[in-house]
């Protein structure tokens, strides 16, 4: 079929490339090309990798710092002795603890430290050196090992610390002091003061009690730690009598029965196993 010149004139003309360029650019803004999509994907991948590296660089030190501050407990155990009983224990880290009469010790293995809480009584510590600090806590007193053997006794208002070998750092809320061997201190209400009779403080390790002009009040207080029945000074007049000498820990009753022979006192034993000491 032939098309007339008039009909040919009315047919739409084919657009040139230049005429389509604005439309092509507009379409690309909404529908990126395959190459553009690949480039954007690569940019996003690089950004994600950089973000992961940055996050890791911040998170790892932060996690380490938090774990160090929190220092969580990994293992805990409790050691206990009854009145008149003593015990010797090797710890998992190679350290050694000797517990005296009527004592309670809680041992905590933390992630970054070793902490021992002497809740009652007395103990001799031989600390094994290691990167974890070895610290003993006793009645608001902190004793940090610096390479030593040391004795700690928990008292009513503090602690008595005696260094047998090496040195320790003793701290309270108000004071801090480094002790070397053969030095003994007591803590009371945050104050650290010199303590007498360093050798007497560790005589229990040899099964002995040592007194050097010690008042009968303090002697009875010491004997009471090893005796189940109550020991009472029933007469204030005899409280300041003084006793010297070395005695066997296992012979507490024999020592009490001997008191009338070395000082003007009378000893009365009661049916409930208690003992009264008075002037005669």
Protein backbone atom coordinates (compact mmCIF):
# COMPACT_ATOMS: atom_id res chain seq x y z
CA UNK A 1 0.00 0.00 0.00
CA UNK A 2 1.28 3.39 -0.90
CA UNK A 3 1.40 6.24 1.59
CA UNK A 4 0.59 9.66 0.36
CA UNK A 5 2.76 12.66 1.01
CA UNK A 6 0.12 14.06 3.35
CA UNK A 7 0.05 10.91 5.47
CA UNK A 8 3.85 10.73 5.55
CA UNK A 9 3.95 14.24 6.90
CA UNK A 10 1.75 13.33 9.84
CA UNK A 11 3.96 10.36 11.06
CA UNK A 12 6.08 11.06 14.22
CA UNK A 13 9.72 11.78 13.59
CA UNK A 14 12.43 9.54 15.25
CA UNK A 15 14.12 11.47 18.03
CA UNK A 16 17.82 12.10 17.69
CA UNK A 17 20.41 11.09 20.36
CA UNK A 18 20.92 14.72 21.35
CA UNK A 19 17.22 15.19 21.89
CA UNK A 20 17.09 12.11 24.25
CA UNK A 21 20.09 13.11 26.38
CA UNK A 22 18.15 15.08 29.05
CA UNK A 23 15.77 12.19 29.48
CA UNK A 24 18.60 9.66 29.68
CA UNK A 25 20.34 11.65 32.44
CA UNK A 26 17.08 11.96 34.36
CA UNK A 27 16.47 8.22 34.12
CA UNK A 28 20.00 7.45 35.37
CA UNK A 29 19.34 9.46 38.50
CA UNK A 30 16.44 7.16 39.31
CA UNK A 31 17.81 3.97 37.74
CA UNK A 32 21.62 3.82 38.11
CA UNK A 33 23.61 1.80 35.66
CA UNK A 34 25.13 -1.59 36.46
CA UNK A 35 28.57 -0.01 36.74
CA UNK A 36 27.28 2.63 39.16
CA UNK A 37 25.60 -0.02 41.29
CA UNK A 38 28.83 -2.03 41.49
CA UNK A 39 30.85 1.02 42.49
CA UNK A 40 28.35 1.96 45.22
CA UNK A 41 28.39 -1.62 46.53
CA UNK A 42 32.19 -1.50 46.71
CA UNK A 43 32.06 1.81 48.59
CA UNK A 44 29.56 0.41 51.10
CA UNK A 45 31.72 -2.69 51.60
CA UNK A 46 34.75 -0.50 52.32
CA UNK A 47 32.73 1.62 54.76
CA UNK A 48 31.47 -1.50 56.59
CA UNK A 49 34.99 -2.92 56.88
CA UNK A 50 36.27 0.39 58.23
CA UNK A 51 33.37 0.57 60.69
CA UNK A 52 34.08 -2.97 61.92
CA UNK A 53 37.77 -2.20 62.39
CA UNK A 54 36.96 1.01 64.24
CA UNK A 55 34.38 -0.73 66.43
CA UNK A 56 36.81 -3.55 67.25
CA UNK A 57 39.58 -1.06 68.03
CA UNK A 58 37.31 0.65 70.55
CA UNK A 59 35.41 -2.37 71.87
CA UNK A 60 38.40 -4.60 72.69
CA UNK A 61 40.20 -2.09 74.96
CA UNK A 62 36.87 -1.09 76.49
CA UNK A 63 35.97 -4.71 77.25
CA UNK A 64 39.43 -5.27 78.73
CA UNK A 65 39.14 -2.15 80.89
CA UNK A 66 35.69 -3.14 82.11
CA UNK A 67 36.81 -6.69 82.93
CA UNK A 68 39.80 -5.31 84.84
CA UNK A 69 37.58 -2.94 86.83
CA UNK A 70 34.98 -5.60 87.58
CA UNK A 71 37.61 -8.35 88.13
CA UNK A 72 34.99 -11.14 88.37
CA UNK A 73 35.33 -14.11 90.74
CA UNK A 74 36.34 -17.30 88.93
CA UNK A 75 36.45 -19.62 91.95
CA UNK A 76 35.66 -19.35 95.66
CA UNK A 77 36.14 -21.70 98.60
CA UNK A 78 35.90 -21.49 102.39
CA UNK A 79 38.28 -22.97 104.99
CA UNK A 80 37.31 -23.35 108.63
CA UNK A 81 38.78 -24.64 111.91
CA UNK A 82 36.99 -25.34 115.18
CA UNK A 83 38.08 -24.24 118.66
CA UNK A 84 41.39 -25.89 119.46
CA UNK A 85 41.87 -27.11 115.88
CA UNK A 86 44.59 -26.10 113.43
CA UNK A 87 44.83 -26.85 109.72
CA UNK A 88 47.36 -26.55 106.91
CA UNK A 89 46.22 -26.12 103.29
CA UNK A 90 47.99 -25.83 99.91
CA UNK A 91 46.13 -23.50 97.55
CA UNK A 92 45.67 -24.10 93.82
CA UNK A 93 48.08 -21.29 92.92
CA UNK A 94 50.90 -22.88 94.94
CA UNK A 95 50.46 -20.66 97.98
CA UNK A 96 50.17 -22.15 101.48
CA UNK A 97 47.89 -21.26 104.39
CA UNK A 98 48.09 -22.44 107.98
CA UNK A 99 44.90 -21.77 109.97
CA UNK A 100 44.92 -21.35 113.73
CA UNK A 101 42.10 -22.15 116.15
CA UNK A 102 38.49 -21.06 115.48
CA UNK A 103 39.22 -19.42 112.13
CA UNK A 104 37.27 -18.81 108.91
CA UNK A 105 39.02 -17.94 105.64
CA UNK A 106 37.27 -17.31 102.30
CA UNK A 107 39.55 -17.69 99.28
CA UNK A 108 38.56 -15.98 96.01
CA UNK A 109 40.33 -16.51 92.70
CA UNK A 110 39.51 -13.49 90.54
CA UNK A 111 40.33 -12.91 86.89
CA UNK A 112 43.13 -10.51 87.75
CA UNK A 113 43.74 -10.99 91.48
CA UNK A 114 43.83 -13.40 94.43
CA UNK A 115 41.80 -12.24 97.44
CA UNK A 116 41.61 -13.94 100.81
CA UNK A 117 39.14 -12.78 103.45
CA UNK A 118 40.05 -13.72 107.02
CA UNK A 119 36.59 -13.41 108.54
CA UNK A 120 37.60 -14.80 111.91
CA UNK A 121 40.67 -16.09 113.71
CA UNK A 122 44.28 -16.23 112.55
CA UNK A 123 46.32 -17.54 109.63
CA UNK A 124 49.88 -17.70 108.39
CA UNK A 125 50.24 -17.07 104.64
CA UNK A 126 53.08 -18.15 102.36
CA UNK A 127 52.26 -16.51 99.04
CA UNK A 128 53.37 -17.98 95.72
CA UNK A 129 54.63 -15.23 93.42
CA UNK A 130 52.51 -14.60 90.34
CA UNK A 131 51.17 -11.84 88.12
CA UNK A 132 47.92 -11.78 90.10
CA UNK A 133 48.22 -9.70 93.30
CA UNK A 134 47.87 -11.70 96.55
CA UNK A 135 45.81 -9.69 99.07
CA UNK A 136 44.40 -10.58 102.49
CA UNK A 137 41.50 -8.66 104.04
CA UNK A 138 40.87 -8.72 107.79
CA UNK A 139 38.45 -6.40 109.61
CA UNK A 140 38.86 -3.26 107.47
CA UNK A 141 42.57 -3.96 106.99
CA UNK A 142 44.15 -4.79 103.63
CA UNK A 143 47.45 -6.69 103.50
CA UNK A 144 49.09 -6.92 100.07
CA UNK A 145 51.90 -9.38 99.57
CA UNK A 146 55.18 -8.07 98.16
CA UNK A 147 56.94 -11.44 98.37
CA UNK A 148 56.71 -12.78 101.86
CA UNK A 149 55.48 -15.04 104.63
CA UNK A 150 53.17 -13.21 106.99
CA UNK A 151 50.75 -13.81 109.82
CA UNK A 152 47.37 -12.11 110.19
CA UNK A 153 45.13 -12.19 113.24
CA UNK A 154 41.60 -10.81 113.06
CA UNK A 155 40.78 -8.81 116.21
CA UNK A 156 37.62 -7.13 117.46
CA UNK A 157 38.54 -3.70 116.07
CA UNK A 158 41.22 -4.40 113.48
CA UNK A 159 44.02 -6.87 112.84
CA UNK A 160 47.53 -7.78 113.95
CA UNK A 161 49.96 -8.30 111.06
CA UNK A 162 53.37 -9.91 111.54
CA UNK A 163 55.92 -10.30 108.75
CA UNK A 164 58.00 -13.47 109.03
CA UNK A 165 59.88 -13.09 105.75
CA UNK A 166 59.96 -10.45 103.01
CA UNK A 167 57.57 -7.51 103.14
CA UNK A 168 53.91 -6.57 102.90
CA UNK A 169 51.92 -3.40 102.43
CA UNK A 170 49.31 -2.81 105.13
CA UNK A 171 46.49 -0.37 104.34
CA UNK A 172 43.47 0.98 106.18
CA UNK A 173 41.03 3.75 105.35
CA UNK A 174 43.36 6.25 107.02
CA UNK A 175 46.90 4.93 106.67
CA UNK A 176 49.31 2.83 104.63
CA UNK A 177 52.61 1.26 105.64
CA UNK A 178 55.15 -1.19 104.21
CA UNK A 179 56.42 -3.79 106.71
CA UNK A 180 59.59 -5.83 106.47
CA UNK A 181 60.50 -9.10 108.19
CA UNK A 182 60.34 -9.34 111.99
CA UNK A 183 58.00 -6.34 112.18
CA UNK A 184 54.51 -6.52 113.67
CA UNK A 185 51.76 -3.89 113.67
CA UNK A 186 48.18 -3.67 114.86
CA UNK A 187 45.37 -1.72 113.23
CA UNK A 188 42.59 -0.10 115.22
CA UNK A 189 39.98 2.32 113.89
CA UNK A 190 42.11 2.89 110.80
CA UNK A 191 45.30 3.66 112.76
CA UNK A 192 48.44 1.52 112.25
CA UNK A 193 50.71 1.17 115.29
CA UNK A 194 53.69 -0.94 116.36
CA UNK A 195 52.89 -4.23 118.07
CA UNK A 196 55.06 -5.90 120.69
CA UNK A 197 56.20 -9.53 120.86
CA UNK A 198 56.64 -10.31 117.16
CA UNK A 199 57.89 -13.81 117.96
CA UNK A 200 54.96 -14.43 120.30
CA UNK A 201 52.53 -13.65 117.46
CA UNK A 202 53.72 -16.65 115.45
CA UNK A 203 54.59 -19.03 118.32
CA UNK A 204 51.35 -20.93 117.63
CA UNK A 205 53.05 -22.35 114.54
CA UNK A 206 55.28 -24.34 116.88
CA UNK A 207 52.33 -25.25 119.10
CA UNK A 208 53.40 -22.76 121.76
CA UNK A 209 51.96 -19.76 123.60
CA UNK A 210 54.41 -17.06 124.71
CA UNK A 211 53.77 -14.48 127.43
CA UNK A 212 56.16 -11.76 128.50
CA UNK A 213 54.84 -9.89 131.54
CA UNK A 214 51.34 -10.21 130.01
CA UNK A 215 48.39 -9.21 132.18
CA UNK A 216 46.16 -12.07 133.32
CA UNK A 217 43.29 -10.44 131.42
CA UNK A 218 45.20 -10.75 128.15
CA UNK A 219 46.45 -14.24 129.06
CA UNK A 220 42.90 -15.48 129.63
CA UNK A 221 41.76 -13.80 126.40
CA UNK A 222 44.44 -15.79 124.55
CA UNK A 223 43.64 -19.06 126.33
CA UNK A 224 39.94 -18.61 125.57
CA UNK A 225 40.69 -18.95 121.85
CA UNK A 226 41.69 -22.57 122.43
CA UNK A 227 39.22 -23.54 125.18
CA UNK A 228 35.56 -24.40 124.54
CA UNK A 229 34.29 -23.55 128.02
CA UNK A 230 34.04 -19.94 129.15
CA UNK A 231 36.97 -18.69 131.27
CA UNK A 232 36.02 -15.89 133.61
CA UNK A 233 38.10 -13.60 135.78
CA UNK A 234 35.59 -13.37 138.62
CA UNK A 235 37.67 -10.99 140.73
CA UNK A 236 38.88 -7.69 139.27
CA UNK A 237 41.71 -7.69 141.80
CA UNK A 238 43.58 -10.41 139.90
CA UNK A 239 43.03 -8.96 136.41
CA UNK A 240 46.39 -7.16 136.40
CA UNK A 241 48.49 -10.03 137.69
CA UNK A 242 51.17 -10.78 135.09
CA UNK A 243 52.46 -13.98 133.54
CA UNK A 244 55.65 -14.83 131.61
CA UNK A 245 56.86 -18.02 129.94
CA UNK A 246 56.21 -20.43 127.09
CA UNK A 247 53.39 -22.97 127.28
CA UNK A 248 52.02 -25.82 125.20
CA UNK A 249 48.85 -24.98 123.29
CA UNK A 250 47.59 -28.51 123.94
CA UNK A 251 48.10 -28.00 127.68
CA UNK A 252 45.65 -25.13 128.27
CA UNK A 253 43.87 -26.90 131.13
CA UNK A 254 47.19 -27.81 132.75
CA UNK A 255 48.28 -24.16 132.59
CA UNK A 256 45.04 -22.98 134.19
CA UNK A 257 45.39 -25.52 136.98
CA UNK A 258 48.96 -24.31 137.56
CA UNK A 259 47.98 -20.64 138.04
CA UNK A 260 47.38 -21.01 141.81
CA UNK A 261 50.98 -22.20 142.15
CA UNK A 262 52.48 -19.08 140.55
CA UNK A 263 50.11 -16.32 141.69
CA UNK A 264 47.62 -15.75 144.55
CA UNK A 265 44.48 -16.97 142.72
CA UNK A 266 41.92 -19.71 143.09
CA UNK A 267 40.55 -21.68 140.12
CA UNK A 268 37.01 -23.06 140.22
CA UNK A 269 35.73 -25.45 137.58
CA UNK A 270 31.98 -25.61 137.03
CA UNK A 271 29.75 -28.38 135.71
CA UNK A 272 29.14 -26.56 132.41
CA UNK A 273 32.89 -26.69 131.65
CA UNK A 274 33.32 -23.01 132.49
CA UNK A 275 36.14 -21.80 134.74
CA UNK A 276 36.22 -18.98 137.29
CA UNK A 277 39.48 -17.39 138.46
CA UNK A 278 39.43 -15.24 141.61
CA UNK A 279 41.72 -13.90 144.31
CA UNK A 280 42.37 -16.23 147.22
